Amino acid sequence: MDRQVQNLFMLVGMPTPPKTVKGRATRERIVSVAADLVRANGVRATSVEDVIDAAGVSKSQLYHYFDDKADLVRAVVDRTKAVLIDLQQAYLERLDDWAGISAWFDAIVADETGRHSRGGCPLGSLVPELADSDELARTVLARAFDEWQNHLTEGLRRMQARGRLSAGADPERLATATMASLQGGLLLSQVRRDPGQLRAALDAALAYLRQHRPR
């Protein structure tokens, strides 16, 4: 990896990837284990020692790839976002018509139902623990939400270009409102153990989006 690429990773707050296949595999295992522990126990209740034990690595190995726990947690955020988008990719690619948006909502509700409304949003659940205590982590989280939301924003823009969304509509604002409904629905589903809360929130989001169809 040349110096320019390394500097770019440092500029945007991303760790420089290991140079060897073995190094990348070890780092990925550490991040994967840490993500599972954080998902189960939370950031504060997950110690570096917990990760070392679960990943089967030494302390020196972990600190070879990460400066400290905060650096590891930021890598967990990036992985959580990547896994989330990968799981939804088939739906995110088709958010340029009403059927595609409805199918995405249905898939999210089905997943929430399958998890019995436990765990909440993988990204959203990290916000309370990180956003006000680690500014760089907050930035990484914001970037993750932007990447997720941008799939809908771009889909709505394509709909607008084809005349299926009002020319006066603001796709970015509509996507933000939809994401707010999604996150609120996931939160209420989690606290009430009722996926119907998410269903109601997403039904309302779809109705709001449809209000911006051409008359």
N, C-alpha and C. Protein backbone atom coordinates (compact mmCIF):
# COMPACT_ATOMS: atom_id res chain seq x y z
N MET A 1 0.85 -1.18 0.00
CA MET A 1 0.00 0.00 0.00
C MET A 1 0.90 1.24 0.00
N ASP A 2 0.65 2.17 -0.96
CA ASP A 2 1.53 3.33 -1.05
C ASP A 2 1.18 4.36 0.03
N ARG A 3 2.07 5.35 0.18
CA ARG A 3 1.94 6.33 1.24
C ARG A 3 0.67 7.18 1.08
N GLN A 4 0.28 7.50 -0.16
CA GLN A 4 -0.92 8.31 -0.38
C GLN A 4 -2.17 7.62 0.15
N VAL A 5 -2.29 6.31 -0.11
CA VAL A 5 -3.45 5.56 0.37
C VAL A 5 -3.45 5.49 1.89
N GLN A 6 -2.28 5.26 2.48
CA GLN A 6 -2.19 5.23 3.94
C GLN A 6 -2.63 6.56 4.54
N ASN A 7 -2.18 7.66 3.94
CA ASN A 7 -2.57 8.98 4.44
C ASN A 7 -4.06 9.21 4.32
N LEU A 8 -4.67 8.67 3.24
CA LEU A 8 -6.12 8.82 3.06
C LEU A 8 -6.87 8.11 4.16
N PHE A 9 -6.47 6.89 4.50
CA PHE A 9 -7.13 6.16 5.57
C PHE A 9 -7.00 6.91 6.90
N MET A 10 -5.85 7.50 7.16
CA MET A 10 -5.65 8.25 8.39
C MET A 10 -6.51 9.51 8.40
N LEU A 11 -6.66 10.16 7.24
CA LEU A 11 -7.41 11.40 7.15
C LEU A 11 -8.88 11.19 7.49
N VAL A 12 -9.47 10.09 7.02
CA VAL A 12 -10.90 9.85 7.25
C VAL A 12 -11.16 9.06 8.52
N GLY A 13 -10.11 8.81 9.30
CA GLY A 13 -10.31 8.14 10.57
C GLY A 13 -10.49 6.64 10.46
N MET A 14 -10.00 6.05 9.38
CA MET A 14 -10.12 4.61 9.20
C MET A 14 -8.76 3.96 9.43
N PRO A 15 -8.74 2.76 10.03
CA PRO A 15 -7.47 2.08 10.25
C PRO A 15 -6.85 1.62 8.94
N THR A 16 -5.53 1.65 8.87
CA THR A 16 -4.84 1.16 7.69
C THR A 16 -4.91 -0.36 7.67
N PRO A 17 -5.40 -0.98 6.59
CA PRO A 17 -5.52 -2.44 6.55
C PRO A 17 -4.16 -3.12 6.66
N PRO A 18 -4.07 -4.27 7.33
CA PRO A 18 -2.81 -5.02 7.38
C PRO A 18 -2.34 -5.38 5.98
N LYS A 19 -1.05 -5.53 5.82
CA LYS A 19 -0.47 -5.76 4.49
C LYS A 19 -0.55 -7.22 4.06
N THR A 20 -0.62 -8.16 5.00
CA THR A 20 -0.60 -9.58 4.64
C THR A 20 -1.99 -10.21 4.78
N VAL A 21 -2.18 -11.33 4.06
CA VAL A 21 -3.44 -12.05 4.15
C VAL A 21 -3.67 -12.54 5.58
N LYS A 22 -2.63 -13.07 6.21
CA LYS A 22 -2.75 -13.55 7.58
C LYS A 22 -3.10 -12.42 8.53
N GLY A 23 -2.47 -11.27 8.33
CA GLY A 23 -2.75 -10.12 9.18
C GLY A 23 -4.18 -9.64 9.03
N ARG A 24 -4.65 -9.61 7.80
CA ARG A 24 -6.03 -9.18 7.57
C ARG A 24 -7.02 -10.16 8.19
N ALA A 25 -6.70 -11.46 8.11
CA ALA A 25 -7.58 -12.48 8.69
C ALA A 25 -7.63 -12.35 10.21
N THR A 26 -6.47 -12.11 10.83
CA THR A 26 -6.42 -11.96 12.28
C THR A 26 -7.19 -10.73 12.72
N ARG A 27 -6.99 -9.63 12.03
CA ARG A 27 -7.69 -8.41 12.38
C ARG A 27 -9.20 -8.59 12.21
N GLU A 28 -9.59 -9.26 11.13
CA GLU A 28 -11.02 -9.48 10.89
C GLU A 28 -11.62 -10.35 11.98
N ARG A 29 -10.89 -11.35 12.45
CA ARG A 29 -11.39 -12.22 13.51
C ARG A 29 -11.58 -11.42 14.80
N ILE A 30 -10.64 -10.56 15.10
CA ILE A 30 -10.76 -9.74 16.31
C ILE A 30 -11.99 -8.83 16.23
N VAL A 31 -12.17 -8.18 15.09
CA VAL A 31 -13.30 -7.27 14.94
C VAL A 31 -14.62 -8.04 14.98
N SER A 32 -14.66 -9.21 14.35
CA SER A 32 -15.88 -10.02 14.33
C SER A 32 -16.27 -10.44 15.74
N VAL A 33 -15.30 -10.91 16.50
CA VAL A 33 -15.56 -11.33 17.88
C VAL A 33 -15.99 -10.14 18.73
N ALA A 34 -15.30 -9.02 18.56
CA ALA A 34 -15.66 -7.83 19.32
C ALA A 34 -17.07 -7.36 18.99
N ALA A 35 -17.45 -7.43 17.71
CA ALA A 35 -18.79 -7.02 17.30
C ALA A 35 -19.85 -7.90 17.95
N ASP A 36 -19.60 -9.20 18.00
CA ASP A 36 -20.55 -10.12 18.64
C ASP A 36 -20.69 -9.81 20.13
N LEU A 37 -19.56 -9.55 20.80
CA LEU A 37 -19.60 -9.25 22.23
C LEU A 37 -20.31 -7.93 22.51
N VAL A 38 -20.03 -6.93 21.68
CA VAL A 38 -20.68 -5.63 21.85
C VAL A 38 -22.17 -5.75 21.60
N ARG A 39 -22.54 -6.51 20.59
CA ARG A 39 -23.96 -6.69 20.28
C ARG A 39 -24.67 -7.36 21.45
N ALA A 40 -24.01 -8.32 22.09
CA ALA A 40 -24.64 -9.06 23.19
C ALA A 40 -24.61 -8.30 24.51
N ASN A 41 -23.50 -7.58 24.78
CA ASN A 41 -23.30 -7.02 26.11
C ASN A 41 -23.21 -5.50 26.16
N GLY A 42 -23.04 -4.87 25.01
CA GLY A 42 -22.84 -3.42 25.00
C GLY A 42 -21.37 -3.06 25.00
N VAL A 43 -21.09 -1.81 24.65
CA VAL A 43 -19.71 -1.35 24.55
C VAL A 43 -19.04 -1.32 25.92
N ARG A 44 -19.69 -0.71 26.90
CA ARG A 44 -19.07 -0.53 28.21
C ARG A 44 -18.81 -1.86 28.91
N ALA A 45 -19.69 -2.83 28.71
CA ALA A 45 -19.54 -4.11 29.39
C ALA A 45 -18.60 -5.07 28.66
N THR A 46 -18.08 -4.66 27.53
CA THR A 46 -17.14 -5.48 26.78
C THR A 46 -15.73 -4.94 26.98
N SER A 47 -14.88 -5.71 27.60
CA SER A 47 -13.51 -5.27 27.86
C SER A 47 -12.56 -5.80 26.79
N VAL A 48 -11.40 -5.19 26.73
CA VAL A 48 -10.37 -5.67 25.81
C VAL A 48 -10.00 -7.11 26.16
N GLU A 49 -9.96 -7.42 27.44
CA GLU A 49 -9.62 -8.79 27.86
C GLU A 49 -10.67 -9.79 27.38
N ASP A 50 -11.94 -9.38 27.38
CA ASP A 50 -13.01 -10.25 26.87
C ASP A 50 -12.76 -10.58 25.40
N VAL A 51 -12.39 -9.58 24.64
CA VAL A 51 -12.13 -9.78 23.21
C VAL A 51 -10.92 -10.68 22.99
N ILE A 52 -9.86 -10.42 23.75
CA ILE A 52 -8.65 -11.24 23.64
C ILE A 52 -8.96 -12.71 23.90
N ASP A 53 -9.70 -12.98 24.96
CA ASP A 53 -10.03 -14.36 25.32
C ASP A 53 -10.91 -15.01 24.24
N ALA A 54 -11.93 -14.30 23.80
CA ALA A 54 -12.87 -14.88 22.84
C ALA A 54 -12.25 -15.06 21.46
N ALA A 55 -11.34 -14.16 21.09
CA ALA A 55 -10.72 -14.24 19.76
C ALA A 55 -9.52 -15.17 19.74
N GLY A 56 -9.03 -15.55 20.90
CA GLY A 56 -7.88 -16.44 20.96
C GLY A 56 -6.60 -15.78 20.47
N VAL A 57 -6.42 -14.50 20.82
CA VAL A 57 -5.21 -13.78 20.42
C VAL A 57 -4.54 -13.24 21.68
N SER A 58 -3.31 -12.80 21.53
CA SER A 58 -2.59 -12.22 22.65
C SER A 58 -2.85 -10.72 22.72
N LYS A 59 -2.52 -10.15 23.87
CA LYS A 59 -2.71 -8.71 24.01
C LYS A 59 -1.84 -7.95 23.00
N SER A 60 -0.62 -8.45 22.78
CA SER A 60 0.26 -7.77 21.83
C SER A 60 -0.30 -7.84 20.41
N GLN A 61 -0.94 -8.95 20.07
CA GLN A 61 -1.56 -9.06 18.75
C GLN A 61 -2.68 -8.03 18.60
N LEU A 62 -3.54 -7.93 19.60
CA LEU A 62 -4.65 -6.99 19.50
C LEU A 62 -4.13 -5.56 19.36
N TYR A 63 -3.13 -5.22 20.18
CA TYR A 63 -2.62 -3.84 20.13
C TYR A 63 -1.71 -3.60 18.93
N HIS A 64 -1.39 -4.65 18.21
CA HIS A 64 -0.69 -4.47 16.93
C HIS A 64 -1.64 -3.89 15.89
N TYR A 65 -2.92 -4.26 15.98
CA TYR A 65 -3.90 -3.83 14.99
C TYR A 65 -4.74 -2.63 15.45
N PHE A 66 -4.82 -2.41 16.77
CA PHE A 66 -5.68 -1.35 17.29
C PHE A 66 -4.93 -0.56 18.36
N ASP A 67 -5.09 0.76 18.32
CA ASP A 67 -4.39 1.61 19.29
C ASP A 67 -4.92 1.40 20.70
N ASP A 68 -6.23 1.25 20.83
CA ASP A 68 -6.86 1.10 22.13
C ASP A 68 -8.28 0.58 21.91
N LYS A 69 -9.04 0.49 22.99
CA LYS A 69 -10.41 -0.02 22.88
C LYS A 69 -11.25 0.86 21.98
N ALA A 70 -11.08 2.17 22.08
CA ALA A 70 -11.88 3.08 21.25
C ALA A 70 -11.63 2.83 19.77
N ASP A 71 -10.39 2.57 19.41
CA ASP A 71 -10.04 2.28 18.02
C ASP A 71 -10.72 0.99 17.57
N LEU A 72 -10.73 -0.01 18.44
CA LEU A 72 -11.41 -1.27 18.14
C LEU A 72 -12.91 -1.07 17.98
N VAL A 73 -13.49 -0.28 18.85
CA VAL A 73 -14.94 -0.04 18.78
C VAL A 73 -15.31 0.65 17.47
N ARG A 74 -14.48 1.57 17.02
CA ARG A 74 -14.76 2.22 15.73
C ARG A 74 -14.72 1.22 14.59
N ALA A 75 -13.83 0.25 14.68
CA ALA A 75 -13.80 -0.81 13.68
C ALA A 75 -15.06 -1.67 13.75
N VAL A 76 -15.57 -1.86 14.97
CA VAL A 76 -16.82 -2.59 15.16
C VAL A 76 -17.97 -1.85 14.48
N VAL A 77 -18.00 -0.54 14.60
CA VAL A 77 -19.04 0.25 13.94
C VAL A 77 -18.99 0.04 12.44
N ASP A 78 -17.79 0.11 11.87
CA ASP A 78 -17.64 -0.09 10.42
C ASP A 78 -18.11 -1.48 10.01
N ARG A 79 -17.76 -2.49 10.80
CA ARG A 79 -18.17 -3.85 10.46
C ARG A 79 -19.68 -4.01 10.59
N THR A 80 -20.26 -3.44 11.64
CA THR A 80 -21.69 -3.54 11.85
C THR A 80 -22.44 -2.94 10.67
N LYS A 81 -21.98 -1.79 10.20
CA LYS A 81 -22.59 -1.15 9.03
C LYS A 81 -22.46 -2.02 7.79
N ALA A 82 -21.28 -2.59 7.57
CA ALA A 82 -21.05 -3.41 6.39
C ALA A 82 -21.94 -4.65 6.39
N VAL A 83 -22.08 -5.30 7.54
CA VAL A 83 -22.92 -6.49 7.66
C VAL A 83 -24.38 -6.13 7.43
N LEU A 84 -24.82 -5.03 8.02
CA LEU A 84 -26.20 -4.59 7.89
C LEU A 84 -26.54 -4.32 6.43
N ILE A 85 -25.70 -3.57 5.74
CA ILE A 85 -25.96 -3.24 4.35
C ILE A 85 -25.87 -4.47 3.47
N ASP A 86 -24.93 -5.36 3.78
CA ASP A 86 -24.81 -6.59 2.99
C ASP A 86 -26.06 -7.44 3.10
N LEU A 87 -26.63 -7.54 4.30
CA LEU A 87 -27.84 -8.34 4.51
C LEU A 87 -29.04 -7.75 3.76
N GLN A 88 -29.06 -6.43 3.61
CA GLN A 88 -30.19 -5.76 2.96
C GLN A 88 -29.91 -5.41 1.50
N GLN A 89 -28.74 -5.78 0.99
CA GLN A 89 -28.30 -5.31 -0.32
C GLN A 89 -29.31 -5.57 -1.43
N ALA A 90 -29.89 -6.76 -1.43
CA ALA A 90 -30.83 -7.11 -2.50
C ALA A 90 -32.03 -6.16 -2.52
N TYR A 91 -32.41 -5.65 -1.36
CA TYR A 91 -33.53 -4.71 -1.28
C TYR A 91 -33.06 -3.28 -1.53
N LEU A 92 -31.89 -2.94 -1.03
CA LEU A 92 -31.38 -1.58 -1.17
C LEU A 92 -31.12 -1.22 -2.63
N GLU A 93 -30.86 -2.21 -3.44
CA GLU A 93 -30.61 -1.96 -4.87
C GLU A 93 -31.90 -1.68 -5.64
N ARG A 94 -33.06 -1.91 -5.01
CA ARG A 94 -34.33 -1.77 -5.74
C ARG A 94 -35.26 -0.75 -5.07
N LEU A 95 -34.69 0.28 -4.50
CA LEU A 95 -35.50 1.30 -3.84
C LEU A 95 -35.87 2.43 -4.80
N ASP A 96 -36.12 2.09 -6.06
CA ASP A 96 -36.46 3.12 -7.04
C ASP A 96 -37.87 2.93 -7.59
N ASP A 97 -38.70 2.21 -6.85
CA ASP A 97 -40.14 2.17 -7.15
C ASP A 97 -40.87 1.81 -5.87
N TRP A 98 -42.19 1.99 -5.88
CA TRP A 98 -42.98 1.78 -4.67
C TRP A 98 -42.93 0.33 -4.21
N ALA A 99 -42.92 -0.60 -5.16
CA ALA A 99 -42.86 -2.02 -4.79
C ALA A 99 -41.55 -2.35 -4.10
N GLY A 100 -40.45 -1.76 -4.59
CA GLY A 100 -39.15 -2.02 -3.98
C GLY A 100 -39.06 -1.49 -2.56
N ILE A 101 -39.62 -0.29 -2.34
CA ILE A 101 -39.61 0.29 -0.99
C ILE A 101 -40.47 -0.56 -0.05
N SER A 102 -41.63 -0.99 -0.53
CA SER A 102 -42.51 -1.83 0.29
C SER A 102 -41.84 -3.16 0.63
N ALA A 103 -41.14 -3.74 -0.34
CA ALA A 103 -40.44 -5.02 -0.10
C ALA A 103 -39.34 -4.84 0.95
N TRP A 104 -38.63 -3.72 0.91
CA TRP A 104 -37.59 -3.43 1.91
C TRP A 104 -38.21 -3.33 3.29
N PHE A 105 -39.30 -2.59 3.41
CA PHE A 105 -39.98 -2.46 4.70
C PHE A 105 -40.44 -3.83 5.21
N ASP A 106 -41.02 -4.63 4.31
CA ASP A 106 -41.50 -5.96 4.72
C ASP A 106 -40.35 -6.83 5.24
N ALA A 107 -39.20 -6.74 4.57
CA ALA A 107 -38.05 -7.55 4.98
C ALA A 107 -37.55 -7.12 6.36
N ILE A 108 -37.55 -5.82 6.63
CA ILE A 108 -37.11 -5.33 7.93
C ILE A 108 -38.05 -5.80 9.03
N VAL A 109 -39.36 -5.74 8.76
CA VAL A 109 -40.34 -6.20 9.75
C VAL A 109 -40.20 -7.71 9.97
N ALA A 110 -39.99 -8.46 8.90
CA ALA A 110 -39.82 -9.90 9.02
C ALA A 110 -38.60 -10.25 9.87
N ASP A 111 -37.52 -9.50 9.68
CA ASP A 111 -36.31 -9.73 10.48
C ASP A 111 -36.58 -9.40 11.95
N GLU A 112 -37.27 -8.30 12.20
CA GLU A 112 -37.59 -7.91 13.57
C GLU A 112 -38.48 -8.96 14.23
N THR A 113 -39.41 -9.50 13.47
CA THR A 113 -40.30 -10.54 14.00
C THR A 113 -39.51 -11.80 14.31
N GLY A 114 -38.59 -12.16 13.42
CA GLY A 114 -37.77 -13.35 13.63
C GLY A 114 -36.86 -13.24 14.84
N ARG A 115 -36.46 -12.01 15.18
CA ARG A 115 -35.61 -11.79 16.36
C ARG A 115 -36.43 -11.51 17.61
N HIS A 116 -37.75 -11.65 17.49
CA HIS A 116 -38.66 -11.41 18.63
C HIS A 116 -38.44 -10.02 19.23
N SER A 117 -38.15 -9.08 18.36
CA SER A 117 -37.98 -7.67 18.75
C SER A 117 -36.91 -7.48 19.82
N ARG A 118 -35.85 -8.26 19.74
CA ARG A 118 -34.74 -8.13 20.68
C ARG A 118 -33.51 -7.55 19.97
N GLY A 119 -32.79 -6.71 20.67
CA GLY A 119 -31.53 -6.20 20.14
C GLY A 119 -31.61 -4.83 19.51
N GLY A 120 -32.77 -4.48 18.96
CA GLY A 120 -32.89 -3.18 18.32
C GLY A 120 -32.07 -3.10 17.04
N CYS A 121 -31.86 -1.89 16.57
CA CYS A 121 -31.06 -1.68 15.37
C CYS A 121 -29.58 -1.89 15.70
N PRO A 122 -28.87 -2.70 14.92
CA PRO A 122 -27.44 -2.92 15.21
C PRO A 122 -26.63 -1.63 15.26
N LEU A 123 -26.94 -0.68 14.38
CA LEU A 123 -26.25 0.61 14.40
C LEU A 123 -26.83 1.53 15.47
N GLY A 124 -28.15 1.62 15.49
CA GLY A 124 -28.81 2.53 16.42
C GLY A 124 -28.49 2.23 17.87
N SER A 125 -28.31 0.96 18.19
CA SER A 125 -28.03 0.59 19.58
C SER A 125 -26.66 1.07 20.05
N LEU A 126 -25.78 1.41 19.11
CA LEU A 126 -24.45 1.90 19.47
C LEU A 126 -24.45 3.39 19.78
N VAL A 127 -25.45 4.10 19.30
CA VAL A 127 -25.47 5.56 19.41
C VAL A 127 -25.45 6.04 20.86
N PRO A 128 -26.32 5.52 21.75
CA PRO A 128 -26.33 6.05 23.13
C PRO A 128 -24.99 5.88 23.85
N GLU A 129 -24.25 4.82 23.51
CA GLU A 129 -22.99 4.57 24.22
C GLU A 129 -21.81 5.35 23.63
N LEU A 130 -21.93 5.78 22.39
CA LEU A 130 -20.76 6.34 21.72
C LEU A 130 -20.89 7.80 21.29
N ALA A 131 -22.08 8.23 20.91
CA ALA A 131 -22.21 9.52 20.25
C ALA A 131 -21.75 10.70 21.10
N ASP A 132 -21.95 10.64 22.40
CA ASP A 132 -21.59 11.76 23.27
C ASP A 132 -20.27 11.55 24.01
N SER A 133 -19.65 10.39 23.82
CA SER A 133 -18.42 10.11 24.56
C SER A 133 -17.19 9.99 23.67
N ASP A 134 -17.40 9.78 22.37
CA ASP A 134 -16.29 9.58 21.44
C ASP A 134 -16.65 10.28 20.14
N GLU A 135 -16.09 11.45 19.93
CA GLU A 135 -16.46 12.26 18.77
C GLU A 135 -16.10 11.55 17.46
N LEU A 136 -14.97 10.86 17.42
CA LEU A 136 -14.60 10.17 16.20
C LEU A 136 -15.56 9.01 15.94
N ALA A 137 -15.97 8.30 17.01
CA ALA A 137 -16.94 7.23 16.86
C ALA A 137 -18.27 7.77 16.37
N ARG A 138 -18.67 8.95 16.89
CA ARG A 138 -19.91 9.58 16.41
C ARG A 138 -19.82 9.87 14.92
N THR A 139 -18.66 10.34 14.48
CA THR A 139 -18.47 10.63 13.06
C THR A 139 -18.57 9.36 12.22
N VAL A 140 -17.97 8.28 12.72
CA VAL A 140 -18.04 7.00 12.01
C VAL A 140 -19.48 6.50 11.95
N LEU A 141 -20.21 6.65 13.05
CA LEU A 141 -21.62 6.27 13.07
C LEU A 141 -22.44 7.10 12.08
N ALA A 142 -22.19 8.41 12.07
CA ALA A 142 -22.92 9.29 11.15
C ALA A 142 -22.65 8.88 9.71
N ARG A 143 -21.41 8.56 9.42
CA ARG A 143 -21.05 8.13 8.06
C ARG A 143 -21.74 6.81 7.71
N ALA A 144 -21.86 5.93 8.69
CA ALA A 144 -22.53 4.65 8.46
C ALA A 144 -24.01 4.86 8.16
N PHE A 145 -24.67 5.71 8.95
CA PHE A 145 -26.08 6.01 8.69
C PHE A 145 -26.25 6.69 7.33
N ASP A 146 -25.32 7.58 6.98
CA ASP A 146 -25.40 8.26 5.69
C ASP A 146 -25.33 7.25 4.55
N GLU A 147 -24.43 6.28 4.66
CA GLU A 147 -24.29 5.29 3.60
C GLU A 147 -25.56 4.44 3.47
N TRP A 148 -26.12 4.07 4.61
CA TRP A 148 -27.36 3.27 4.61
C TRP A 148 -28.51 4.08 4.01
N GLN A 149 -28.67 5.29 4.49
CA GLN A 149 -29.78 6.13 4.04
C GLN A 149 -29.64 6.53 2.57
N ASN A 150 -28.42 6.66 2.10
CA ASN A 150 -28.20 7.14 0.74
C ASN A 150 -28.78 6.20 -0.31
N HIS A 151 -28.94 4.92 0.03
CA HIS A 151 -29.57 3.99 -0.92
C HIS A 151 -31.00 4.44 -1.22
N LEU A 152 -31.72 4.86 -0.17
CA LEU A 152 -33.08 5.33 -0.38
C LEU A 152 -33.09 6.70 -1.08
N THR A 153 -32.20 7.57 -0.67
CA THR A 153 -32.13 8.88 -1.31
C THR A 153 -31.92 8.75 -2.81
N GLU A 154 -30.98 7.91 -3.21
CA GLU A 154 -30.71 7.73 -4.64
C GLU A 154 -31.87 7.05 -5.35
N GLY A 155 -32.53 6.11 -4.66
CA GLY A 155 -33.70 5.46 -5.26
C GLY A 155 -34.81 6.46 -5.52
N LEU A 156 -35.04 7.35 -4.56
CA LEU A 156 -36.07 8.37 -4.73
C LEU A 156 -35.70 9.36 -5.84
N ARG A 157 -34.44 9.65 -5.98
CA ARG A 157 -34.01 10.53 -7.07
C ARG A 157 -34.26 9.88 -8.43
N ARG A 158 -34.03 8.59 -8.52
CA ARG A 158 -34.31 7.90 -9.79
C ARG A 158 -35.82 7.90 -10.07
N MET A 159 -36.62 7.71 -9.03
CA MET A 159 -38.07 7.78 -9.20
C MET A 159 -38.49 9.17 -9.68
N GLN A 160 -37.87 10.18 -9.12
CA GLN A 160 -38.17 11.56 -9.51
C GLN A 160 -37.81 11.80 -10.97
N ALA A 161 -36.68 11.27 -11.39
CA ALA A 161 -36.25 11.44 -12.77
C ALA A 161 -37.19 10.75 -13.75
N ARG A 162 -37.85 9.69 -13.30
CA ARG A 162 -38.79 8.96 -14.17
C ARG A 162 -40.22 9.47 -14.02
N GLY A 163 -40.41 10.50 -13.22
CA GLY A 163 -41.74 11.07 -13.07
C GLY A 163 -42.62 10.34 -12.09
N ARG A 164 -42.06 9.49 -11.24
CA ARG A 164 -42.85 8.74 -10.27
C ARG A 164 -42.85 9.40 -8.89
N LEU A 165 -42.10 10.46 -8.76
CA LEU A 165 -42.06 11.26 -7.53
C LEU A 165 -42.15 12.71 -7.95
N SER A 166 -42.89 13.49 -7.20
CA SER A 166 -43.11 14.89 -7.55
C SER A 166 -41.80 15.63 -7.76
N ALA A 167 -41.78 16.49 -8.76
CA ALA A 167 -40.58 17.28 -9.05
C ALA A 167 -40.22 18.20 -7.89
N GLY A 168 -41.20 18.57 -7.09
CA GLY A 168 -40.95 19.45 -5.96
C GLY A 168 -40.52 18.74 -4.70
N ALA A 169 -40.51 17.42 -4.72
CA ALA A 169 -40.13 16.65 -3.53
C ALA A 169 -38.62 16.75 -3.30
N ASP A 170 -38.21 16.62 -2.05
CA ASP A 170 -36.79 16.63 -1.68
C ASP A 170 -36.40 15.21 -1.25
N PRO A 171 -35.78 14.43 -2.15
CA PRO A 171 -35.46 13.04 -1.83
C PRO A 171 -34.64 12.86 -0.56
N GLU A 172 -33.70 13.75 -0.32
CA GLU A 172 -32.87 13.61 0.88
C GLU A 172 -33.69 13.83 2.15
N ARG A 173 -34.56 14.81 2.12
CA ARG A 173 -35.41 15.07 3.29
C ARG A 173 -36.39 13.91 3.51
N LEU A 174 -36.94 13.37 2.43
CA LEU A 174 -37.86 12.23 2.55
C LEU A 174 -37.13 11.01 3.10
N ALA A 175 -35.90 10.80 2.65
CA ALA A 175 -35.13 9.66 3.15
C ALA A 175 -34.79 9.82 4.63
N THR A 176 -34.50 11.04 5.05
CA THR A 176 -34.22 11.29 6.47
C THR A 176 -35.46 11.01 7.32
N ALA A 177 -36.62 11.46 6.86
CA ALA A 177 -37.86 11.20 7.59
C ALA A 177 -38.14 9.71 7.68
N THR A 178 -37.87 8.99 6.59
CA THR A 178 -38.07 7.54 6.59
C THR A 178 -37.14 6.85 7.57
N MET A 179 -35.88 7.27 7.59
CA MET A 179 -34.93 6.68 8.52
C MET A 179 -35.33 6.95 9.97
N ALA A 180 -35.87 8.14 10.22
CA ALA A 180 -36.33 8.45 11.57
C ALA A 180 -37.48 7.54 11.97
N SER A 181 -38.41 7.28 11.03
CA SER A 181 -39.52 6.37 11.31
C SER A 181 -39.00 4.95 11.57
N LEU A 182 -38.03 4.54 10.78
CA LEU A 182 -37.45 3.20 10.94
C LEU A 182 -36.81 3.05 12.30
N GLN A 183 -35.98 4.03 12.70
CA GLN A 183 -35.30 3.93 13.98
C GLN A 183 -36.28 4.01 15.15
N GLY A 184 -37.26 4.89 15.04
CA GLY A 184 -38.27 4.98 16.10
C GLY A 184 -39.08 3.71 16.21
N GLY A 185 -39.43 3.13 15.07
CA GLY A 185 -40.19 1.88 15.08
C GLY A 185 -39.40 0.74 15.70
N LEU A 186 -38.10 0.67 15.39
CA LEU A 186 -37.26 -0.37 15.97
C LEU A 186 -37.14 -0.20 17.49
N LEU A 187 -37.02 1.04 17.92
CA LEU A 187 -36.91 1.31 19.36
C LEU A 187 -38.19 0.90 20.10
N LEU A 188 -39.35 1.28 19.57
CA LEU A 188 -40.60 0.93 20.23
C LEU A 188 -40.86 -0.57 20.18
N SER A 189 -40.48 -1.21 19.08
CA SER A 189 -40.63 -2.67 18.99
C SER A 189 -39.78 -3.36 20.04
N GLN A 190 -38.56 -2.85 20.24
CA GLN A 190 -37.66 -3.45 21.22
C GLN A 190 -38.20 -3.31 22.63
N VAL A 191 -38.63 -2.10 22.99
CA VAL A 191 -39.05 -1.87 24.37
C VAL A 191 -40.39 -2.53 24.67
N ARG A 192 -41.25 -2.67 23.63
CA ARG A 192 -42.56 -3.29 23.84
C ARG A 192 -42.61 -4.75 23.40
N ARG A 193 -41.49 -5.25 22.87
CA ARG A 193 -41.42 -6.62 22.35
C ARG A 193 -42.58 -6.88 21.38
N ASP A 194 -42.77 -5.93 20.48
CA ASP A 194 -43.91 -6.00 19.55
C ASP A 194 -43.50 -5.47 18.18
N PRO A 195 -43.24 -6.35 17.22
CA PRO A 195 -42.86 -5.90 15.88
C PRO A 195 -43.95 -5.10 15.18
N GLY A 196 -45.16 -5.16 15.71
CA GLY A 196 -46.24 -4.37 15.16
C GLY A 196 -45.96 -2.87 15.28
N GLN A 197 -45.16 -2.49 16.27
CA GLN A 197 -44.77 -1.08 16.42
C GLN A 197 -43.95 -0.62 15.21
N LEU A 198 -43.03 -1.47 14.77
CA LEU A 198 -42.23 -1.16 13.59
C LEU A 198 -43.10 -1.14 12.34
N ARG A 199 -44.02 -2.11 12.25
CA ARG A 199 -44.92 -2.16 11.11
C ARG A 199 -45.72 -0.86 10.98
N ALA A 200 -46.23 -0.38 12.11
CA ALA A 200 -47.02 0.85 12.09
C ALA A 200 -46.17 2.04 11.66
N ALA A 201 -44.93 2.10 12.16
CA ALA A 201 -44.05 3.22 11.81
C ALA A 201 -43.70 3.21 10.32
N LEU A 202 -43.44 2.03 9.78
CA LEU A 202 -43.07 1.96 8.37
C LEU A 202 -44.28 2.15 7.46
N ASP A 203 -45.44 1.71 7.90
CA ASP A 203 -46.66 1.99 7.12
C ASP A 203 -46.89 3.50 7.03
N ALA A 204 -46.66 4.19 8.14
CA ALA A 204 -46.82 5.64 8.15
C ALA A 204 -45.77 6.30 7.25
N ALA A 205 -44.54 5.76 7.28
CA ALA A 205 -43.48 6.31 6.42
C ALA A 205 -43.83 6.14 4.95
N LEU A 206 -44.37 4.96 4.59
CA LEU A 206 -44.73 4.72 3.19
C LEU A 206 -45.88 5.64 2.76
N ALA A 207 -46.85 5.83 3.65
CA ALA A 207 -47.95 6.73 3.32
C ALA A 207 -47.44 8.15 3.12
N TYR A 208 -46.48 8.55 3.93
CA TYR A 208 -45.91 9.89 3.78
C TYR A 208 -45.16 10.02 2.45
N LEU A 209 -44.40 9.01 2.11
CA LEU A 209 -43.69 9.04 0.83
C LEU A 209 -44.66 9.12 -0.34
N ARG A 210 -45.74 8.35 -0.26
CA ARG A 210 -46.72 8.32 -1.36
C ARG A 210 -47.45 9.66 -1.52
N GLN A 211 -47.47 10.46 -0.49
CA GLN A 211 -48.07 11.79 -0.62
C GLN A 211 -47.31 12.65 -1.62
N HIS A 212 -46.10 12.25 -1.94
CA HIS A 212 -45.28 13.04 -2.85
C HIS A 212 -45.25 12.46 -4.26
N ARG A 213 -46.23 11.62 -4.58
CA ARG A 213 -46.39 11.19 -5.96
C ARG A 213 -46.91 12.33 -6.80
N PRO A 214 -46.62 12.35 -8.08
CA PRO A 214 -47.17 13.41 -8.96
C PRO A 214 -48.67 13.37 -8.94
N ARG A 215 -49.30 14.51 -8.92
CA ARG A 215 -50.77 14.56 -8.91
C ARG A 215 -51.29 14.33 -10.33
